[in-house]
Amino acid sequence: MIRDGLITEAGQDKAGGPERTRYELTDRGRADLAGWLGQVEEPAPFVQSTLFTKVVVALLAYDESTARRYLAAQRSAHLARMRALTAAKDDSDASVADVAAADYALAHLDADLRWMQTTLDRVAALSREVTS
């Protein structure tokens, strides 16, 4: 980033540990950053997830019960992660940024859980479809 003229060294910090170099944006860096922040990310038309892939592979290589066991185990892992994130949000030392990041992760985990339940409800039909 220094080579490209986007940032420049702005001094050294020694407080609380080893020496650290501070950097600041150049005018060009600020302009590039503004351009990047102004670009809307395209929503993916099809989300390919490892979760989905594992369900399909379980159905192809084994059977419906294997796919269901995988989904149940994954659901347990998601719920454990959600409990940890919720506890982190409730920590009195949590910053607003930490809480916002936890909320983002929780929303995605919740969406995964809803997908898992829908997929569990459709395992038999999905099995017929992928094995035909």
N, C-alpha and C. Protein backbone atom coordinates (compact mmCIF):
# COMPACT_ATOMS: atom_id res chain seq x y z
N MET A 1 0.82 -1.18 0.00
CA MET A 1 0.00 0.00 0.00
C MET A 1 0.87 1.25 0.00
N ILE A 2 2.02 1.17 0.69
CA ILE A 2 2.95 2.30 0.66
C ILE A 2 3.48 2.49 -0.76
N ARG A 3 3.88 1.38 -1.39
CA ARG A 3 4.41 1.43 -2.75
C ARG A 3 3.42 2.08 -3.72
N ASP A 4 2.13 1.79 -3.52
CA ASP A 4 1.10 2.32 -4.41
C ASP A 4 0.63 3.72 -4.03
N GLY A 5 1.22 4.29 -2.97
CA GLY A 5 0.88 5.65 -2.58
C GLY A 5 -0.46 5.79 -1.87
N LEU A 6 -0.95 4.68 -1.29
CA LEU A 6 -2.25 4.72 -0.63
C LEU A 6 -2.14 5.08 0.85
N ILE A 7 -1.01 4.73 1.47
CA ILE A 7 -0.76 5.06 2.87
C ILE A 7 0.66 5.57 3.03
N THR A 8 0.90 6.19 4.16
CA THR A 8 2.24 6.66 4.49
C THR A 8 2.46 6.45 5.99
N GLU A 9 3.71 6.29 6.39
CA GLU A 9 4.00 6.13 7.81
C GLU A 9 3.64 7.42 8.54
N ALA A 10 3.06 7.25 9.75
CA ALA A 10 2.63 8.41 10.53
C ALA A 10 3.23 8.43 11.92
N GLY A 11 4.27 7.62 12.13
CA GLY A 11 4.93 7.64 13.44
C GLY A 11 5.01 6.27 14.06
N GLN A 12 5.52 6.27 15.29
CA GLN A 12 5.71 5.03 16.03
C GLN A 12 4.94 5.12 17.35
N ASP A 13 4.39 4.00 17.78
CA ASP A 13 3.74 3.89 19.09
C ASP A 13 4.50 2.85 19.89
N LYS A 14 4.74 3.15 21.16
CA LYS A 14 5.45 2.21 22.04
C LYS A 14 4.60 1.83 23.25
N ALA A 15 3.47 2.44 23.41
CA ALA A 15 2.66 2.24 24.61
C ALA A 15 2.17 0.81 24.72
N GLY A 16 2.41 0.20 25.88
CA GLY A 16 1.85 -1.11 26.19
C GLY A 16 2.41 -2.28 25.42
N GLY A 17 3.60 -2.18 24.89
CA GLY A 17 4.13 -3.34 24.19
C GLY A 17 5.23 -2.96 23.22
N PRO A 18 5.46 -3.84 22.26
CA PRO A 18 6.53 -3.57 21.30
C PRO A 18 6.19 -2.36 20.41
N GLU A 19 7.23 -1.82 19.83
CA GLU A 19 7.06 -0.65 18.96
C GLU A 19 6.20 -1.02 17.76
N ARG A 20 5.26 -0.15 17.46
CA ARG A 20 4.35 -0.37 16.32
C ARG A 20 4.39 0.85 15.42
N THR A 21 4.40 0.60 14.13
CA THR A 21 4.35 1.70 13.17
C THR A 21 2.90 2.05 12.90
N ARG A 22 2.59 3.35 12.97
CA ARG A 22 1.26 3.83 12.62
C ARG A 22 1.29 4.30 11.18
N TYR A 23 0.16 4.13 10.50
CA TYR A 23 0.03 4.56 9.10
C TYR A 23 -1.20 5.44 8.97
N GLU A 24 -1.20 6.28 7.94
CA GLU A 24 -2.39 7.07 7.64
C GLU A 24 -2.61 7.06 6.14
N LEU A 25 -3.86 7.27 5.78
CA LEU A 25 -4.22 7.31 4.37
C LEU A 25 -3.66 8.56 3.71
N THR A 26 -3.23 8.41 2.48
CA THR A 26 -2.88 9.56 1.66
C THR A 26 -4.17 10.05 0.99
N ASP A 27 -4.10 11.17 0.29
CA ASP A 27 -5.28 11.64 -0.44
C ASP A 27 -5.71 10.59 -1.47
N ARG A 28 -4.74 10.01 -2.15
CA ARG A 28 -5.06 8.96 -3.13
C ARG A 28 -5.69 7.75 -2.43
N GLY A 29 -5.14 7.38 -1.28
CA GLY A 29 -5.69 6.26 -0.52
C GLY A 29 -7.12 6.52 -0.07
N ARG A 30 -7.36 7.74 0.38
CA ARG A 30 -8.72 8.12 0.81
C ARG A 30 -9.68 8.07 -0.38
N ALA A 31 -9.24 8.51 -1.54
CA ALA A 31 -10.09 8.48 -2.74
C ALA A 31 -10.37 7.03 -3.15
N ASP A 32 -9.35 6.19 -3.12
CA ASP A 32 -9.56 4.77 -3.45
C ASP A 32 -10.50 4.11 -2.45
N LEU A 33 -10.31 4.42 -1.18
CA LEU A 33 -11.18 3.86 -0.14
C LEU A 33 -12.63 4.30 -0.36
N ALA A 34 -12.83 5.57 -0.66
CA ALA A 34 -14.19 6.08 -0.90
C ALA A 34 -14.81 5.36 -2.09
N GLY A 35 -14.02 5.13 -3.14
CA GLY A 35 -14.54 4.41 -4.30
C GLY A 35 -14.93 2.98 -3.95
N TRP A 36 -14.08 2.31 -3.18
CA TRP A 36 -14.36 0.92 -2.78
C TRP A 36 -15.61 0.86 -1.90
N LEU A 37 -15.72 1.78 -0.95
CA LEU A 37 -16.89 1.79 -0.07
C LEU A 37 -18.17 2.12 -0.84
N GLY A 38 -18.04 2.84 -1.92
CA GLY A 38 -19.21 3.20 -2.72
C GLY A 38 -19.70 2.11 -3.66
N GLN A 39 -18.92 1.05 -3.81
CA GLN A 39 -19.30 -0.05 -4.70
C GLN A 39 -20.22 -1.02 -3.96
N VAL A 40 -21.40 -1.25 -4.49
CA VAL A 40 -22.33 -2.20 -3.90
C VAL A 40 -21.90 -3.60 -4.32
N GLU A 41 -21.82 -4.50 -3.35
CA GLU A 41 -21.45 -5.88 -3.63
C GLU A 41 -22.65 -6.60 -4.25
N GLU A 42 -22.41 -7.31 -5.32
CA GLU A 42 -23.47 -8.08 -5.97
C GLU A 42 -23.86 -9.27 -5.10
N PRO A 43 -25.14 -9.41 -4.79
CA PRO A 43 -25.57 -10.61 -4.08
C PRO A 43 -25.33 -11.83 -4.98
N ALA A 44 -24.83 -12.88 -4.37
CA ALA A 44 -24.55 -14.09 -5.14
C ALA A 44 -25.87 -14.71 -5.58
N PRO A 45 -26.00 -15.05 -6.87
CA PRO A 45 -27.26 -15.63 -7.34
C PRO A 45 -27.52 -17.02 -6.76
N PHE A 46 -26.46 -17.77 -6.53
CA PHE A 46 -26.58 -19.10 -5.95
C PHE A 46 -25.49 -19.23 -4.89
N VAL A 47 -25.90 -19.47 -3.67
CA VAL A 47 -24.93 -19.62 -2.61
C VAL A 47 -24.56 -21.09 -2.51
N GLN A 48 -23.33 -21.39 -2.81
CA GLN A 48 -22.85 -22.76 -2.68
C GLN A 48 -22.15 -22.88 -1.35
N SER A 49 -22.69 -23.68 -0.50
CA SER A 49 -22.17 -23.82 0.84
C SER A 49 -21.65 -25.23 1.06
N THR A 50 -20.65 -25.32 1.90
CA THR A 50 -20.15 -26.63 2.30
C THR A 50 -21.26 -27.43 2.97
N LEU A 51 -22.14 -26.74 3.71
CA LEU A 51 -23.26 -27.44 4.35
C LEU A 51 -24.10 -28.17 3.30
N PHE A 52 -24.46 -27.47 2.25
CA PHE A 52 -25.27 -28.06 1.19
C PHE A 52 -24.52 -29.20 0.52
N THR A 53 -23.26 -28.98 0.21
CA THR A 53 -22.45 -30.00 -0.46
C THR A 53 -22.38 -31.28 0.37
N LYS A 54 -22.18 -31.14 1.67
CA LYS A 54 -22.09 -32.33 2.53
C LYS A 54 -23.41 -33.10 2.58
N VAL A 55 -24.52 -32.40 2.58
CA VAL A 55 -25.82 -33.08 2.57
C VAL A 55 -25.97 -33.89 1.28
N VAL A 56 -25.66 -33.28 0.16
CA VAL A 56 -25.80 -33.96 -1.13
C VAL A 56 -24.84 -35.15 -1.20
N VAL A 57 -23.61 -34.97 -0.77
CA VAL A 57 -22.64 -36.08 -0.80
C VAL A 57 -23.09 -37.21 0.13
N ALA A 58 -23.61 -36.86 1.29
CA ALA A 58 -24.12 -37.90 2.21
C ALA A 58 -25.24 -38.69 1.56
N LEU A 59 -26.11 -38.00 0.83
CA LEU A 59 -27.21 -38.69 0.15
C LEU A 59 -26.70 -39.58 -0.99
N LEU A 60 -25.72 -39.08 -1.72
CA LEU A 60 -25.19 -39.85 -2.85
C LEU A 60 -24.36 -41.05 -2.40
N ALA A 61 -23.55 -40.86 -1.37
CA ALA A 61 -22.62 -41.91 -0.95
C ALA A 61 -23.22 -42.85 0.09
N TYR A 62 -24.19 -42.36 0.85
CA TYR A 62 -24.76 -43.17 1.92
C TYR A 62 -26.28 -43.21 1.80
N ASP A 63 -26.95 -42.48 2.71
CA ASP A 63 -28.41 -42.54 2.71
C ASP A 63 -29.00 -41.35 3.46
N GLU A 64 -30.32 -41.35 3.54
CA GLU A 64 -31.01 -40.24 4.20
C GLU A 64 -30.63 -40.11 5.67
N SER A 65 -30.46 -41.22 6.36
CA SER A 65 -30.14 -41.13 7.80
C SER A 65 -28.77 -40.50 8.02
N THR A 66 -27.82 -40.74 7.12
CA THR A 66 -26.50 -40.11 7.23
C THR A 66 -26.62 -38.61 7.05
N ALA A 67 -27.40 -38.18 6.08
CA ALA A 67 -27.62 -36.75 5.85
C ALA A 67 -28.30 -36.12 7.07
N ARG A 68 -29.27 -36.80 7.63
CA ARG A 68 -29.97 -36.28 8.81
C ARG A 68 -29.02 -36.18 10.01
N ARG A 69 -28.17 -37.19 10.20
CA ARG A 69 -27.20 -37.15 11.31
C ARG A 69 -26.23 -35.97 11.13
N TYR A 70 -25.78 -35.77 9.90
CA TYR A 70 -24.89 -34.65 9.64
C TYR A 70 -25.58 -33.33 9.97
N LEU A 71 -26.81 -33.15 9.50
CA LEU A 71 -27.54 -31.91 9.76
C LEU A 71 -27.76 -31.70 11.26
N ALA A 72 -28.07 -32.77 11.98
CA ALA A 72 -28.28 -32.66 13.43
C ALA A 72 -26.99 -32.26 14.15
N ALA A 73 -25.88 -32.86 13.75
CA ALA A 73 -24.60 -32.51 14.36
C ALA A 73 -24.22 -31.07 14.04
N GLN A 74 -24.45 -30.66 12.81
CA GLN A 74 -24.13 -29.30 12.41
C GLN A 74 -25.01 -28.31 13.15
N ARG A 75 -26.27 -28.67 13.33
CA ARG A 75 -27.19 -27.81 14.08
C ARG A 75 -26.67 -27.59 15.50
N SER A 76 -26.20 -28.65 16.14
CA SER A 76 -25.66 -28.54 17.50
C SER A 76 -24.45 -27.60 17.53
N ALA A 77 -23.58 -27.71 16.53
CA ALA A 77 -22.41 -26.84 16.47
C ALA A 77 -22.83 -25.38 16.27
N HIS A 78 -23.81 -25.15 15.42
CA HIS A 78 -24.30 -23.78 15.19
C HIS A 78 -24.90 -23.20 16.48
N LEU A 79 -25.69 -23.99 17.17
CA LEU A 79 -26.32 -23.51 18.40
C LEU A 79 -25.27 -23.18 19.47
N ALA A 80 -24.23 -24.00 19.56
CA ALA A 80 -23.16 -23.73 20.52
C ALA A 80 -22.46 -22.41 20.18
N ARG A 81 -22.20 -22.19 18.91
CA ARG A 81 -21.55 -20.94 18.49
C ARG A 81 -22.46 -19.74 18.76
N MET A 82 -23.75 -19.92 18.54
CA MET A 82 -24.70 -18.83 18.81
C MET A 82 -24.73 -18.50 20.31
N ARG A 83 -24.67 -19.52 21.16
CA ARG A 83 -24.64 -19.26 22.61
C ARG A 83 -23.39 -18.49 22.98
N ALA A 84 -22.24 -18.86 22.40
CA ALA A 84 -20.99 -18.16 22.70
C ALA A 84 -21.04 -16.71 22.23
N LEU A 85 -21.58 -16.48 21.05
CA LEU A 85 -21.68 -15.11 20.54
C LEU A 85 -22.63 -14.27 21.39
N THR A 86 -23.73 -14.87 21.82
CA THR A 86 -24.68 -14.15 22.66
C THR A 86 -24.04 -13.79 23.99
N ALA A 87 -23.27 -14.71 24.56
CA ALA A 87 -22.57 -14.42 25.81
C ALA A 87 -21.55 -13.31 25.62
N ALA A 88 -20.86 -13.32 24.49
CA ALA A 88 -19.86 -12.27 24.21
C ALA A 88 -20.54 -10.92 24.09
N LYS A 89 -21.73 -10.87 23.50
CA LYS A 89 -22.47 -9.62 23.38
C LYS A 89 -22.87 -9.08 24.75
N ASP A 90 -23.16 -10.00 25.68
CA ASP A 90 -23.61 -9.60 27.01
C ASP A 90 -22.47 -9.20 27.93
N ASP A 91 -21.23 -9.42 27.50
CA ASP A 91 -20.06 -9.05 28.28
C ASP A 91 -20.01 -7.53 28.43
N SER A 92 -19.84 -7.06 29.65
CA SER A 92 -19.85 -5.61 29.89
C SER A 92 -18.67 -4.91 29.22
N ASP A 93 -17.62 -5.66 28.88
CA ASP A 93 -16.46 -5.06 28.20
C ASP A 93 -16.59 -5.07 26.68
N ALA A 94 -17.70 -5.62 26.16
CA ALA A 94 -17.87 -5.71 24.71
C ALA A 94 -18.06 -4.31 24.12
N SER A 95 -17.30 -4.04 23.07
CA SER A 95 -17.45 -2.75 22.39
C SER A 95 -18.66 -2.81 21.45
N VAL A 96 -19.07 -1.67 20.98
CA VAL A 96 -20.17 -1.62 20.02
C VAL A 96 -19.78 -2.39 18.76
N ALA A 97 -18.52 -2.28 18.35
CA ALA A 97 -18.05 -3.02 17.17
C ALA A 97 -18.13 -4.53 17.40
N ASP A 98 -17.76 -4.98 18.60
CA ASP A 98 -17.86 -6.41 18.93
C ASP A 98 -19.30 -6.88 18.87
N VAL A 99 -20.21 -6.09 19.40
CA VAL A 99 -21.63 -6.44 19.40
C VAL A 99 -22.17 -6.48 17.97
N ALA A 100 -21.79 -5.50 17.16
CA ALA A 100 -22.25 -5.47 15.76
C ALA A 100 -21.72 -6.68 15.00
N ALA A 101 -20.46 -7.05 15.22
CA ALA A 101 -19.89 -8.22 14.55
C ALA A 101 -20.60 -9.50 15.01
N ALA A 102 -20.90 -9.59 16.29
CA ALA A 102 -21.62 -10.76 16.81
C ALA A 102 -23.03 -10.82 16.23
N ASP A 103 -23.69 -9.68 16.12
CA ASP A 103 -25.03 -9.65 15.52
C ASP A 103 -24.99 -10.14 14.08
N TYR A 104 -23.98 -9.73 13.33
CA TYR A 104 -23.82 -10.15 11.93
C TYR A 104 -23.66 -11.67 11.87
N ALA A 105 -22.77 -12.20 12.69
CA ALA A 105 -22.54 -13.64 12.71
C ALA A 105 -23.80 -14.40 13.15
N LEU A 106 -24.49 -13.89 14.16
CA LEU A 106 -25.71 -14.54 14.63
C LEU A 106 -26.78 -14.60 13.55
N ALA A 107 -26.92 -13.53 12.78
CA ALA A 107 -27.92 -13.52 11.70
C ALA A 107 -27.60 -14.59 10.67
N HIS A 108 -26.32 -14.74 10.33
CA HIS A 108 -25.94 -15.77 9.35
C HIS A 108 -26.12 -17.17 9.91
N LEU A 109 -25.78 -17.36 11.16
CA LEU A 109 -25.98 -18.66 11.79
C LEU A 109 -27.46 -19.01 11.85
N ASP A 110 -28.29 -18.01 12.17
CA ASP A 110 -29.73 -18.23 12.22
C ASP A 110 -30.26 -18.63 10.84
N ALA A 111 -29.78 -17.96 9.80
CA ALA A 111 -30.21 -18.33 8.44
C ALA A 111 -29.80 -19.76 8.12
N ASP A 112 -28.58 -20.14 8.51
CA ASP A 112 -28.14 -21.53 8.30
C ASP A 112 -29.06 -22.51 9.04
N LEU A 113 -29.42 -22.18 10.27
CA LEU A 113 -30.30 -23.06 11.04
C LEU A 113 -31.66 -23.22 10.37
N ARG A 114 -32.20 -22.12 9.86
CA ARG A 114 -33.48 -22.21 9.16
C ARG A 114 -33.35 -23.07 7.91
N TRP A 115 -32.24 -22.92 7.18
CA TRP A 115 -32.00 -23.76 6.00
C TRP A 115 -31.88 -25.22 6.40
N MET A 116 -31.17 -25.50 7.49
CA MET A 116 -31.02 -26.90 7.94
C MET A 116 -32.37 -27.52 8.25
N GLN A 117 -33.24 -26.77 8.93
CA GLN A 117 -34.56 -27.32 9.26
C GLN A 117 -35.37 -27.58 7.99
N THR A 118 -35.35 -26.64 7.07
CA THR A 118 -36.06 -26.83 5.80
C THR A 118 -35.51 -28.04 5.06
N THR A 119 -34.21 -28.19 5.05
CA THR A 119 -33.58 -29.31 4.36
C THR A 119 -33.91 -30.63 5.05
N LEU A 120 -33.93 -30.64 6.38
CA LEU A 120 -34.35 -31.85 7.10
C LEU A 120 -35.76 -32.26 6.69
N ASP A 121 -36.63 -31.27 6.54
CA ASP A 121 -38.00 -31.55 6.12
C ASP A 121 -38.07 -32.09 4.70
N ARG A 122 -37.04 -31.83 3.90
CA ARG A 122 -37.05 -32.23 2.49
C ARG A 122 -36.04 -33.32 2.14
N VAL A 123 -35.41 -33.92 3.14
CA VAL A 123 -34.35 -34.90 2.86
C VAL A 123 -34.82 -36.03 1.95
N ALA A 124 -36.00 -36.56 2.20
CA ALA A 124 -36.48 -37.68 1.38
C ALA A 124 -36.62 -37.26 -0.08
N ALA A 125 -37.24 -36.10 -0.31
CA ALA A 125 -37.43 -35.63 -1.68
C ALA A 125 -36.08 -35.28 -2.32
N LEU A 126 -35.18 -34.67 -1.55
CA LEU A 126 -33.87 -34.33 -2.07
C LEU A 126 -33.10 -35.60 -2.42
N SER A 127 -33.23 -36.61 -1.61
CA SER A 127 -32.56 -37.89 -1.88
C SER A 127 -33.03 -38.48 -3.20
N ARG A 128 -34.33 -38.47 -3.41
CA ARG A 128 -34.86 -38.99 -4.69
C ARG A 128 -34.33 -38.20 -5.87
N GLU A 129 -34.23 -36.89 -5.68
CA GLU A 129 -33.79 -36.03 -6.78
C GLU A 129 -32.31 -36.23 -7.10
N VAL A 130 -31.46 -36.29 -6.10
CA VAL A 130 -30.02 -36.38 -6.38
C VAL A 130 -29.57 -37.78 -6.76
N THR A 131 -30.35 -38.79 -6.42
CA THR A 131 -29.94 -40.15 -6.74
C THR A 131 -30.58 -40.66 -8.02
N SER A 132 -31.44 -39.85 -8.63
CA SER A 132 -32.08 -40.32 -9.88
C SER A 132 -31.28 -39.91 -11.09
